[in-house]
Amino acid sequence: MAKWTPKHEAPEPLEGPVVATITGGTIVWFVLFLVQLPFYGWYADHDRTWWLWTCLAGAGLGLIGIWYVRKRDAAIKRDAALKAATAAE
């Protein structure tokens, strides 16, 4: 089997409001959990409690994601400032 090699250069990643996007998604997951919480009995009767725990897991992973993308955003800004300061000298 031949080794796969790309035939063209990879495109630049799309940049946008990453922190806002991850925060919004985390809020959506947590709201979905809260909306379903009053119906826990119905979910338990129909063996669907995993729906609630999936939403809670999404919110928890979203919190980790918020922490990660904020650190990433700060590192990108620090790097840009360092490059600007180096170019100014």
C-alpha atoms as a PDB file:
ATOM      1  CA  MET A   1       0.000   0.000   0.000  1.00  0.00           C
ATOM      2  CA  ALA A   2       1.424   3.358  -1.022  1.00  0.00           C
ATOM      3  CA  LYS A   3       1.843   6.139   1.471  1.00  0.00           C
ATOM      4  CA  TRP A   4      -0.738   8.882   0.988  1.00  0.00           C
ATOM      5  CA  THR A   5       0.685  12.312   0.316  1.00  0.00           C
ATOM      6  CA  PRO A   6      -1.350  15.463  -0.173  1.00  0.00           C
ATOM      7  CA  LYS A   7      -1.298  16.899  -3.679  1.00  0.00           C
ATOM      8  CA  HIS A   8      -1.909  20.472  -2.582  1.00  0.00           C
ATOM      9  CA  GLU A   9      -1.299  22.691   0.400  1.00  0.00           C
ATOM     10  CA  ALA A  10      -3.854  22.657   3.206  1.00  0.00           C
ATOM     11  CA  PRO A  11      -6.000  25.792   3.418  1.00  0.00           C
ATOM     12  CA  GLU A  12      -5.642  28.210   6.310  1.00  0.00           C
ATOM     13  CA  PRO A  13      -8.027  27.480   9.182  1.00  0.00           C
ATOM     14  CA  LEU A  14     -11.102  29.653   9.411  1.00  0.00           C
ATOM     15  CA  GLU A  15     -10.924  32.114  12.256  1.00  0.00           C
ATOM     16  CA  GLY A  16     -13.976  33.647  13.817  1.00  0.00           C
ATOM     17  CA  PRO A  17     -15.568  34.308  17.180  1.00  0.00           C
ATOM     18  CA  VAL A  18     -14.428  30.963  18.581  1.00  0.00           C
ATOM     19  CA  VAL A  19     -14.889  31.849  22.258  1.00  0.00           C
ATOM     20  CA  ALA A  20     -18.418  33.134  21.635  1.00  0.00           C
ATOM     21  CA  THR A  21     -19.299  30.048  19.584  1.00  0.00           C
ATOM     22  CA  ILE A  22     -18.101  27.607  22.252  1.00  0.00           C
ATOM     23  CA  THR A  23     -19.783  29.635  25.006  1.00  0.00           C
ATOM     24  CA  GLY A  24     -23.057  29.673  23.079  1.00  0.00           C
ATOM     25  CA  GLY A  25     -22.915  25.933  22.506  1.00  0.00           C
ATOM     26  CA  THR A  26     -22.198  25.299  26.174  1.00  0.00           C
ATOM     27  CA  ILE A  27     -25.171  27.433  27.181  1.00  0.00           C
ATOM     28  CA  VAL A  28     -27.406  25.526  24.749  1.00  0.00           C
ATOM     29  CA  TRP A  29     -26.341  22.169  26.220  1.00  0.00           C
ATOM     30  CA  PHE A  30     -26.960  23.390  29.780  1.00  0.00           C
ATOM     31  CA  VAL A  31     -30.369  24.874  28.898  1.00  0.00           C
ATOM     32  CA  LEU A  32     -31.343  21.581  27.253  1.00  0.00           C
ATOM     33  CA  PHE A  33     -30.383  19.793  30.462  1.00  0.00           C
ATOM     34  CA  LEU A  34     -32.460  22.194  32.582  1.00  0.00           C
ATOM     35  CA  VAL A  35     -35.469  21.934  30.255  1.00  0.00           C
ATOM     36  CA  GLN A  36     -35.442  18.138  30.447  1.00  0.00           C
ATOM     37  CA  LEU A  37     -34.797  17.920  34.194  1.00  0.00           C
ATOM     38  CA  PRO A  38     -38.473  18.290  35.278  1.00  0.00           C
ATOM     39  CA  PHE A  39     -39.318  15.277  33.097  1.00  0.00           C
ATOM     40  CA  TYR A  40     -36.787  12.981  34.757  1.00  0.00           C
ATOM     41  CA  GLY A  41     -39.512  10.555  35.849  1.00  0.00           C
ATOM     42  CA  TRP A  42     -40.786  10.137  32.306  1.00  0.00           C
ATOM     43  CA  TYR A  43     -37.269   9.615  31.009  1.00  0.00           C
ATOM     44  CA  ALA A  44     -36.611   7.041  33.733  1.00  0.00           C
ATOM     45  CA  ASP A  45     -39.850   5.182  32.925  1.00  0.00           C
ATOM     46  CA  HIS A  46     -38.925   4.994  29.243  1.00  0.00           C
ATOM     47  CA  ASP A  47     -35.220   4.228  29.817  1.00  0.00           C
ATOM     48  CA  ARG A  48     -34.139   7.540  28.313  1.00  0.00           C
ATOM     49  CA  THR A  49     -32.247   9.175  31.198  1.00  0.00           C
ATOM     50  CA  TRP A  50     -29.143   9.121  29.028  1.00  0.00           C
ATOM     51  CA  TRP A  51     -30.643  12.136  27.209  1.00  0.00           C
ATOM     52  CA  LEU A  52     -30.260  14.254  30.352  1.00  0.00           C
ATOM     53  CA  TRP A  53     -26.761  13.016  31.091  1.00  0.00           C
ATOM     54  CA  THR A  54     -25.707  13.636  27.490  1.00  0.00           C
ATOM     55  CA  CYS A  55     -26.775  17.274  27.817  1.00  0.00           C
ATOM     56  CA  LEU A  56     -24.967  17.614  31.133  1.00  0.00           C
ATOM     57  CA  ALA A  57     -21.828  16.034  29.653  1.00  0.00           C
ATOM     58  CA  GLY A  58     -22.039  18.463  26.723  1.00  0.00           C
ATOM     59  CA  ALA A  59     -22.206  21.383  29.142  1.00  0.00           C
ATOM     60  CA  GLY A  60     -19.274  20.032  31.169  1.00  0.00           C
ATOM     61  CA  LEU A  61     -17.132  19.462  28.098  1.00  0.00           C
ATOM     62  CA  GLY A  62     -18.162  22.903  26.886  1.00  0.00           C
ATOM     63  CA  LEU A  63     -16.719  24.427  30.068  1.00  0.00           C
ATOM     64  CA  ILE A  64     -13.424  22.699  29.315  1.00  0.00           C
ATOM     65  CA  GLY A  65     -13.711  23.977  25.745  1.00  0.00           C
ATOM     66  CA  ILE A  66     -14.271  27.557  26.925  1.00  0.00           C
ATOM     67  CA  TRP A  67     -11.164  27.351  29.089  1.00  0.00           C
ATOM     68  CA  TYR A  68      -9.165  25.901  26.169  1.00  0.00           C
ATOM     69  CA  VAL A  69     -10.235  28.420  23.508  1.00  0.00           C
ATOM     70  CA  ARG A  70      -9.725  31.385  25.849  1.00  0.00           C
ATOM     71  CA  LYS A  71      -6.148  30.219  26.483  1.00  0.00           C
ATOM     72  CA  ARG A  72      -5.673  29.674  22.731  1.00  0.00           C
ATOM     73  CA  ASP A  73      -7.052  33.119  21.912  1.00  0.00           C
ATOM     74  CA  ALA A  74      -4.754  34.742  24.478  1.00  0.00           C
ATOM     75  CA  ALA A  75      -1.740  32.866  23.062  1.00  0.00           C
ATOM     76  CA  ILE A  76      -2.586  33.982  19.510  1.00  0.00           C
ATOM     77  CA  LYS A  77      -2.871  37.608  20.661  1.00  0.00           C
ATOM     78  CA  ARG A  78       0.441  37.382  22.562  1.00  0.00           C
ATOM     79  CA  ASP A  79       2.159  35.941  19.500  1.00  0.00           C
ATOM     80  CA  ALA A  80       0.739  38.680  17.264  1.00  0.00           C
ATOM     81  CA  ALA A  81       1.903  41.373  19.714  1.00  0.00           C
ATOM     82  CA  LEU A  82       5.367  39.824  19.889  1.00  0.00           C
ATOM     83  CA  LYS A  83       5.617  39.697  16.100  1.00  0.00           C
ATOM     84  CA  ALA A  84       4.465  43.327  15.836  1.00  0.00           C
ATOM     85  CA  ALA A  85       7.016  44.422  18.433  1.00  0.00           C
ATOM     86  CA  THR A  86       9.769  42.485  16.647  1.00  0.00           C
ATOM     87  CA  ALA A  87       8.805  43.997  13.294  1.00  0.00           C
ATOM     88  CA  ALA A  88       8.801  47.515  14.790  1.00  0.00           C
ATOM     89  CA  GLU A  89      12.409  47.196  15.972  1.00  0.00           C
END
